[in-house]
Amino acid sequence: MAHVALLAGVLAGCAEGADEEDKASAKTSTGASATAAAGGTRAVAPSGGRIGAEGSACELPVSFDIAQGWKAEAVDAEAASGDLDDEVAAEVADALLHQGPVTAACEVDAKPAGYFGYLRVWTGEPGEDSARTVLEGFVAAEKQASKATYSTFRTGDLVGAEVEYLYTSELLDETKKEHALAVTTPEGPVVLHLGGMDTEEHEAMLPALELAERTLRVG
């Protein structure tokens, strides 16, 4: 079974966020839509390689560059939740590995580059939902999300949706910024989510998300 830092950290009491067992009651305040070009003003991290293609660390419906020093590892959600003997732990794992319409598929660890956080990739089943609808479902499933502001972006031939929102951690008793973006592919939707221990750490890692967004391609 692939190592799953997403799961292990929470079960050990070291998660970035609060208790996430019940993700059904999120309330978000959607700001006015805007259009953000992929060649926007955010800084871009230097590339440390590409993931998504067959044979890469994470095989995904999309491919993109990850920041220099960051380390990608696949998440086997089915194996991760099924291998736990404790029923409560298995339920927590299942809640953590599924968020709204998508399931955890890959996590790119920032710690080797000196940050505490992850760029996580979530995938879903093919359907008719737009990227914006998928992203709204993802945020709505986050228990303590608020003040979500959505925009669109273009990269290559892809048009996707992006969101910035606030997440209030009950565990850490603080509110921080988070970002996510979504695109749809013939194999299903893909969501990239960037968290972090706090807003300062999150903003320091945003160049990694910008790199992923600008280099995002189907296949």
C-alpha atoms as a PDB file:
ATOM      1  CA  MET A   1       0.000   0.000   0.000  1.00  0.00           C
ATOM      2  CA  ALA A   2       1.272   3.449  -0.879  1.00  0.00           C
ATOM      3  CA  HIS A   3       2.274   5.645   2.028  1.00  0.00           C
ATOM      4  CA  VAL A   4      -0.542   8.104   2.755  1.00  0.00           C
ATOM      5  CA  ALA A   5       0.667  11.118   4.723  1.00  0.00           C
ATOM      6  CA  LEU A   6      -2.776  12.648   4.335  1.00  0.00           C
ATOM      7  CA  LEU A   7      -4.232   9.855   6.437  1.00  0.00           C
ATOM      8  CA  ALA A   8      -1.373   9.094   8.795  1.00  0.00           C
ATOM      9  CA  GLY A   9      -0.995  12.675   9.987  1.00  0.00           C
ATOM     10  CA  VAL A  10      -4.618  12.975  10.989  1.00  0.00           C
ATOM     11  CA  LEU A  11      -4.851   9.602  12.687  1.00  0.00           C
ATOM     12  CA  ALA A  12      -1.745  10.507  14.689  1.00  0.00           C
ATOM     13  CA  GLY A  13      -3.299  13.806  15.767  1.00  0.00           C
ATOM     14  CA  CYS A  14      -0.974  15.938  13.620  1.00  0.00           C
ATOM     15  CA  ALA A  15      -3.298  17.017  10.817  1.00  0.00           C
ATOM     16  CA  GLU A  16      -3.234  20.472   9.218  1.00  0.00           C
ATOM     17  CA  GLY A  17      -6.931  20.989   9.844  1.00  0.00           C
ATOM     18  CA  ALA A  18      -9.637  20.170  12.322  1.00  0.00           C
ATOM     19  CA  ASP A  19     -11.844  17.109  12.782  1.00  0.00           C
ATOM     20  CA  GLU A  20     -13.246  16.335   9.341  1.00  0.00           C
ATOM     21  CA  GLU A  21     -15.557  13.393  10.060  1.00  0.00           C
ATOM     22  CA  ASP A  22     -18.670  15.384   9.144  1.00  0.00           C
ATOM     23  CA  LYS A  23     -18.103  17.333   5.946  1.00  0.00           C
ATOM     24  CA  ALA A  24     -21.707  17.791   4.946  1.00  0.00           C
ATOM     25  CA  SER A  25     -22.582  21.122   6.522  1.00  0.00           C
ATOM     26  CA  ALA A  26     -20.172  23.621   4.949  1.00  0.00           C
ATOM     27  CA  LYS A  27     -21.555  27.056   4.161  1.00  0.00           C
ATOM     28  CA  THR A  28     -19.685  29.183   1.657  1.00  0.00           C
ATOM     29  CA  SER A  29     -20.147  32.776   0.598  1.00  0.00           C
ATOM     30  CA  THR A  30     -19.481  32.982  -3.126  1.00  0.00           C
ATOM     31  CA  GLY A  31     -17.899  36.203  -4.324  1.00  0.00           C
ATOM     32  CA  ALA A  32     -18.338  37.702  -7.758  1.00  0.00           C
ATOM     33  CA  SER A  33     -16.874  35.600 -10.533  1.00  0.00           C
ATOM     34  CA  ALA A  34     -13.687  36.824 -12.191  1.00  0.00           C
ATOM     35  CA  THR A  35     -11.388  35.625 -14.928  1.00  0.00           C
ATOM     36  CA  ALA A  36      -7.762  34.908 -14.040  1.00  0.00           C
ATOM     37  CA  ALA A  37      -5.425  34.234 -16.948  1.00  0.00           C
ATOM     38  CA  ALA A  38      -2.876  31.475 -16.467  1.00  0.00           C
ATOM     39  CA  GLY A  39      -0.210  34.088 -17.169  1.00  0.00           C
ATOM     40  CA  GLY A  40      -1.303  36.192 -14.190  1.00  0.00           C
ATOM     41  CA  THR A  41       0.747  38.099 -11.670  1.00  0.00           C
ATOM     42  CA  ARG A  42       1.452  35.355  -9.118  1.00  0.00           C
ATOM     43  CA  ALA A  43       5.025  34.156  -8.807  1.00  0.00           C
ATOM     44  CA  VAL A  44       5.824  30.776 -10.344  1.00  0.00           C
ATOM     45  CA  ALA A  45       8.026  28.174  -8.663  1.00  0.00           C
ATOM     46  CA  PRO A  46      10.858  26.569 -10.638  1.00  0.00           C
ATOM     47  CA  SER A  47       9.916  23.145 -11.978  1.00  0.00           C
ATOM     48  CA  GLY A  48      11.177  20.010 -10.300  1.00  0.00           C
ATOM     49  CA  GLY A  49       9.691  17.573 -12.793  1.00  0.00           C
ATOM     50  CA  ARG A  50       6.343  16.481 -14.128  1.00  0.00           C
ATOM     51  CA  ILE A  51       3.719  14.065 -12.821  1.00  0.00           C
ATOM     52  CA  GLY A  52       0.512  12.565 -14.176  1.00  0.00           C
ATOM     53  CA  ALA A  53       1.767  10.561 -17.139  1.00  0.00           C
ATOM     54  CA  GLU A  54       2.081   6.779 -17.097  1.00  0.00           C
ATOM     55  CA  GLY A  55       5.178   5.767 -15.172  1.00  0.00           C
ATOM     56  CA  SER A  56       5.337   8.976 -13.128  1.00  0.00           C
ATOM     57  CA  ALA A  57       4.968   9.111  -9.331  1.00  0.00           C
ATOM     58  CA  CYS A  58       1.225   9.749  -9.726  1.00  0.00           C
ATOM     59  CA  GLU A  59      -0.666   8.565 -12.794  1.00  0.00           C
ATOM     60  CA  LEU A  60      -3.572  10.953 -13.350  1.00  0.00           C
ATOM     61  CA  PRO A  61      -6.051  12.126 -16.016  1.00  0.00           C
ATOM     62  CA  VAL A  62      -3.899  15.271 -16.251  1.00  0.00           C
ATOM     63  CA  SER A  63      -0.205  16.069 -16.091  1.00  0.00           C
ATOM     64  CA  PHE A  64       1.542  19.109 -14.621  1.00  0.00           C
ATOM     65  CA  ASP A  65       4.861  20.316 -13.264  1.00  0.00           C
ATOM     66  CA  ILE A  66       5.582  20.158  -9.550  1.00  0.00           C
ATOM     67  CA  ALA A  67       7.786  22.645  -7.726  1.00  0.00           C
ATOM     68  CA  GLN A  68      11.473  21.984  -7.291  1.00  0.00           C
ATOM     69  CA  GLY A  69      12.143  19.957  -4.142  1.00  0.00           C
ATOM     70  CA  TRP A  70       8.531  18.834  -3.686  1.00  0.00           C
ATOM     71  CA  LYS A  71       7.912  15.078  -3.642  1.00  0.00           C
ATOM     72  CA  ALA A  72       4.873  13.393  -5.188  1.00  0.00           C
ATOM     73  CA  GLU A  73       3.379  10.122  -3.999  1.00  0.00           C
ATOM     74  CA  ALA A  74       0.269   8.282  -5.137  1.00  0.00           C
ATOM     75  CA  VAL A  75      -2.630   7.739  -2.756  1.00  0.00           C
ATOM     76  CA  ASP A  76      -4.477   4.420  -2.983  1.00  0.00           C
ATOM     77  CA  ALA A  77      -7.702   5.483  -1.312  1.00  0.00           C
ATOM     78  CA  GLU A  78      -9.349   2.064  -1.474  1.00  0.00           C
ATOM     79  CA  ALA A  79      -6.376   0.286   0.071  1.00  0.00           C
ATOM     80  CA  ALA A  80      -5.816   3.004   2.672  1.00  0.00           C
ATOM     81  CA  SER A  81      -9.328   2.777   4.082  1.00  0.00           C
ATOM     82  CA  GLY A  82      -9.664  -0.985   3.666  1.00  0.00           C
ATOM     83  CA  ASP A  83      -6.435  -1.921   5.462  1.00  0.00           C
ATOM     84  CA  LEU A  84      -7.486  -0.405   8.803  1.00  0.00           C
ATOM     85  CA  ASP A  85      -8.795  -2.908  11.364  1.00  0.00           C
ATOM     86  CA  ASP A  86     -10.336  -0.333  13.679  1.00  0.00           C
ATOM     87  CA  GLU A  87     -13.851   0.555  12.507  1.00  0.00           C
ATOM     88  CA  VAL A  88     -13.718   4.158  13.733  1.00  0.00           C
ATOM     89  CA  ALA A  89     -10.321   4.720  12.136  1.00  0.00           C
ATOM     90  CA  ALA A  90     -11.622   3.263   8.882  1.00  0.00           C
ATOM     91  CA  GLU A  91     -14.587   5.648   8.931  1.00  0.00           C
ATOM     92  CA  VAL A  92     -12.306   8.625   9.575  1.00  0.00           C
ATOM     93  CA  ALA A  93     -10.025   7.471   6.776  1.00  0.00           C
ATOM     94  CA  ASP A  94     -12.938   7.178   4.389  1.00  0.00           C
ATOM     95  CA  ALA A  95     -14.073  10.715   5.255  1.00  0.00           C
ATOM     96  CA  LEU A  96     -10.576  12.085   4.717  1.00  0.00           C
ATOM     97  CA  LEU A  97     -10.002  10.292   1.440  1.00  0.00           C
ATOM     98  CA  HIS A  98     -13.257  11.443  -0.142  1.00  0.00           C
ATOM     99  CA  GLN A  99     -14.396  15.058  -0.381  1.00  0.00           C
ATOM    100  CA  GLY A 100     -17.589  15.906  -2.203  1.00  0.00           C
ATOM    101  CA  PRO A 101     -17.456  14.444  -5.734  1.00  0.00           C
ATOM    102  CA  VAL A 102     -13.762  13.482  -5.690  1.00  0.00           C
ATOM    103  CA  THR A 103     -11.335  11.026  -4.083  1.00  0.00           C
ATOM    104  CA  ALA A 104      -7.722  11.546  -3.034  1.00  0.00           C
ATOM    105  CA  ALA A 105      -5.318  10.312  -5.732  1.00  0.00           C
ATOM    106  CA  CYS A 106      -1.971  11.987  -5.127  1.00  0.00           C
ATOM    107  CA  GLU A 107      -0.198  14.260  -2.685  1.00  0.00           C
ATOM    108  CA  VAL A 108       2.836  16.405  -3.383  1.00  0.00           C
ATOM    109  CA  ASP A 109       4.746  16.999  -0.164  1.00  0.00           C
ATOM    110  CA  ALA A 110       6.332  20.430   0.339  1.00  0.00           C
ATOM    111  CA  LYS A 111       8.436  19.446   3.361  1.00  0.00           C
ATOM    112  CA  PRO A 112      11.537  18.503   1.327  1.00  0.00           C
ATOM    113  CA  ALA A 113      11.464  22.087   0.008  1.00  0.00           C
ATOM    114  CA  GLY A 114      11.188  23.565   3.495  1.00  0.00           C
ATOM    115  CA  TYR A 115       7.418  24.091   3.837  1.00  0.00           C
ATOM    116  CA  PHE A 116       4.796  22.292   5.877  1.00  0.00           C
ATOM    117  CA  GLY A 117       1.953  21.496   3.525  1.00  0.00           C
ATOM    118  CA  TYR A 118       0.789  19.557   0.505  1.00  0.00           C
ATOM    119  CA  LEU A 119      -0.530  20.083  -2.979  1.00  0.00           C
ATOM    120  CA  ARG A 120      -3.151  17.338  -3.116  1.00  0.00           C
ATOM    121  CA  VAL A 121      -4.799  15.938  -6.211  1.00  0.00           C
ATOM    122  CA  TRP A 122      -8.327  14.544  -6.166  1.00  0.00           C
ATOM    123  CA  THR A 123     -10.085  12.734  -9.008  1.00  0.00           C
ATOM    124  CA  GLY A 124     -13.706  11.822  -9.725  1.00  0.00           C
ATOM    125  CA  GLU A 125     -15.893   9.772 -12.031  1.00  0.00           C
ATOM    126  CA  PRO A 126     -16.760  11.052 -15.525  1.00  0.00           C
ATOM    127  CA  GLY A 127     -19.978  13.051 -15.697  1.00  0.00           C
ATOM    128  CA  GLU A 128     -21.700  16.152 -17.012  1.00  0.00           C
ATOM    129  CA  ASP A 129     -20.766  18.542 -14.184  1.00  0.00           C
ATOM    130  CA  SER A 130     -18.687  21.581 -15.058  1.00  0.00           C
ATOM    131  CA  ALA A 131     -15.382  22.343 -13.365  1.00  0.00           C
ATOM    132  CA  ARG A 132     -17.113  25.092 -11.355  1.00  0.00           C
ATOM    133  CA  THR A 133     -19.817  22.678 -10.145  1.00  0.00           C
ATOM    134  CA  VAL A 134     -17.218  20.094  -9.116  1.00  0.00           C
ATOM    135  CA  LEU A 135     -15.228  22.737  -7.263  1.00  0.00           C
ATOM    136  CA  GLU A 136     -18.327  24.032  -5.470  1.00  0.00           C
ATOM    137  CA  GLY A 137     -19.085  20.487  -4.343  1.00  0.00           C
ATOM    138  CA  PHE A 138     -15.526  20.084  -3.093  1.00  0.00           C
ATOM    139  CA  VAL A 139     -15.662  23.288  -1.042  1.00  0.00           C
ATOM    140  CA  ALA A 140     -19.169  22.579   0.247  1.00  0.00           C
ATOM    141  CA  ALA A 141     -17.900  19.292   1.671  1.00  0.00           C
ATOM    142  CA  GLU A 142     -15.261  21.134   3.722  1.00  0.00           C
ATOM    143  CA  LYS A 143     -16.820  21.502   7.150  1.00  0.00           C
ATOM    144  CA  GLN A 144     -15.326  24.849   8.149  1.00  0.00           C
ATOM    145  CA  ALA A 145     -15.011  26.584   4.756  1.00  0.00           C
ATOM    146  CA  SER A 146     -16.282  30.142   4.267  1.00  0.00           C
ATOM    147  CA  LYS A 147     -16.009  33.212   2.033  1.00  0.00           C
ATOM    148  CA  ALA A 148     -15.275  31.285  -1.142  1.00  0.00           C
ATOM    149  CA  THR A 149     -14.469  33.419  -4.195  1.00  0.00           C
ATOM    150  CA  TYR A 150     -14.500  31.653  -7.557  1.00  0.00           C
ATOM    151  CA  SER A 151     -12.768  32.553 -10.815  1.00  0.00           C
ATOM    152  CA  THR A 152     -11.969  30.916 -14.129  1.00  0.00           C
ATOM    153  CA  PHE A 153      -8.567  30.282 -15.671  1.00  0.00           C
ATOM    154  CA  ARG A 154      -7.178  29.146 -19.008  1.00  0.00           C
ATOM    155  CA  THR A 155      -4.073  27.069 -19.558  1.00  0.00           C
ATOM    156  CA  GLY A 156      -3.324  25.567 -22.945  1.00  0.00           C
ATOM    157  CA  ASP A 157      -6.608  24.232 -24.285  1.00  0.00           C
ATOM    158  CA  LEU A 158      -8.099  23.832 -20.807  1.00  0.00           C
ATOM    159  CA  VAL A 159     -10.588  26.123 -19.098  1.00  0.00           C
ATOM    160  CA  GLY A 160     -10.952  25.495 -15.392  1.00  0.00           C
ATOM    161  CA  ALA A 161     -12.337  26.941 -12.196  1.00  0.00           C
ATOM    162  CA  GLU A 162     -10.365  28.217  -9.218  1.00  0.00           C
ATOM    163  CA  VAL A 163     -11.417  29.144  -5.696  1.00  0.00           C
ATOM    164  CA  GLU A 164      -9.875  30.982  -2.767  1.00  0.00           C
ATOM    165  CA  TYR A 165     -11.574  30.462   0.581  1.00  0.00           C
ATOM    166  CA  LEU A 166     -11.047  30.580   4.309  1.00  0.00           C
ATOM    167  CA  TYR A 167     -10.781  27.453   6.424  1.00  0.00           C
ATOM    168  CA  THR A 168     -11.268  27.643  10.180  1.00  0.00           C
ATOM    169  CA  SER A 169      -9.377  24.938  12.014  1.00  0.00           C
ATOM    170  CA  GLU A 170     -11.021  23.788  15.236  1.00  0.00           C
ATOM    171  CA  LEU A 171      -7.853  21.876  16.117  1.00  0.00           C
ATOM    172  CA  LEU A 172      -5.540  24.875  15.735  1.00  0.00           C
ATOM    173  CA  ASP A 173      -8.167  27.520  16.599  1.00  0.00           C
ATOM    174  CA  GLU A 174      -7.297  29.757  13.659  1.00  0.00           C
ATOM    175  CA  THR A 175      -8.539  30.729  10.216  1.00  0.00           C
ATOM    176  CA  LYS A 176      -6.337  30.473   7.144  1.00  0.00           C
ATOM    177  CA  LYS A 177      -6.503  30.870   3.376  1.00  0.00           C
ATOM    178  CA  GLU A 178      -6.693  27.886   1.050  1.00  0.00           C
ATOM    179  CA  HIS A 179      -6.880  27.520  -2.732  1.00  0.00           C
ATOM    180  CA  ALA A 180      -8.192  24.851  -5.070  1.00  0.00           C
ATOM    181  CA  LEU A 181      -8.716  24.526  -8.798  1.00  0.00           C
ATOM    182  CA  ALA A 182     -10.618  22.076 -10.954  1.00  0.00           C
ATOM    183  CA  VAL A 183     -10.761  20.930 -14.558  1.00  0.00           C
ATOM    184  CA  THR A 184     -12.825  18.288 -16.304  1.00  0.00           C
ATOM    185  CA  THR A 185     -11.386  15.573 -18.535  1.00  0.00           C
ATOM    186  CA  PRO A 186     -12.823  12.598 -20.458  1.00  0.00           C
ATOM    187  CA  GLU A 187     -11.682  10.436 -17.524  1.00  0.00           C
ATOM    188  CA  GLY A 188     -13.436  12.604 -14.948  1.00  0.00           C
ATOM    189  CA  PRO A 189     -12.848  15.802 -12.973  1.00  0.00           C
ATOM    190  CA  VAL A 190      -9.555  16.656 -11.291  1.00  0.00           C
ATOM    191  CA  VAL A 191      -9.153  18.977  -8.295  1.00  0.00           C
ATOM    192  CA  LEU A 192      -5.836  20.385  -7.084  1.00  0.00           C
ATOM    193  CA  HIS A 193      -5.909  21.699  -3.513  1.00  0.00           C
ATOM    194  CA  LEU A 194      -3.262  23.688  -1.668  1.00  0.00           C
ATOM    195  CA  GLY A 195      -3.475  24.037   2.105  1.00  0.00           C
ATOM    196  CA  GLY A 196      -0.746  24.836   4.623  1.00  0.00           C
ATOM    197  CA  MET A 197      -0.367  25.286   8.362  1.00  0.00           C
ATOM    198  CA  ASP A 198      -1.431  28.947   8.252  1.00  0.00           C
ATOM    199  CA  THR A 199      -2.024  31.765   5.773  1.00  0.00           C
ATOM    200  CA  GLU A 200       1.631  32.802   5.753  1.00  0.00           C
ATOM    201  CA  GLU A 201       2.784  29.288   4.914  1.00  0.00           C
ATOM    202  CA  HIS A 202       0.008  28.925   2.356  1.00  0.00           C
ATOM    203  CA  GLU A 203       0.959  32.117   0.539  1.00  0.00           C
ATOM    204  CA  ALA A 204       4.617  31.071   0.502  1.00  0.00           C
ATOM    205  CA  MET A 205       3.572  27.884  -1.321  1.00  0.00           C
ATOM    206  CA  LEU A 206       1.279  29.571  -3.873  1.00  0.00           C
ATOM    207  CA  PRO A 207       4.041  29.661  -6.544  1.00  0.00           C
ATOM    208  CA  ALA A 208       3.851  25.852  -6.592  1.00  0.00           C
ATOM    209  CA  LEU A 209       0.123  25.994  -7.337  1.00  0.00           C
ATOM    210  CA  GLU A 210       0.712  28.634 -10.008  1.00  0.00           C
ATOM    211  CA  LEU A 211       3.292  26.365 -11.642  1.00  0.00           C
ATOM    212  CA  ALA A 212       0.849  23.461 -11.611  1.00  0.00           C
ATOM    213  CA  GLU A 213      -1.933  25.624 -13.067  1.00  0.00           C
ATOM    214  CA  ARG A 214       0.176  27.049 -15.885  1.00  0.00           C
ATOM    215  CA  THR A 215       1.515  23.642 -16.937  1.00  0.00           C
ATOM    216  CA  LEU A 216      -1.716  21.669 -16.488  1.00  0.00           C
ATOM    217  CA  ARG A 217      -2.625  19.555 -19.509  1.00  0.00           C
ATOM    218  CA  VAL A 218      -4.952  16.629 -20.164  1.00  0.00           C
ATOM    219  CA  GLY A 219      -3.095  13.325 -20.368  1.00  0.00           C
END
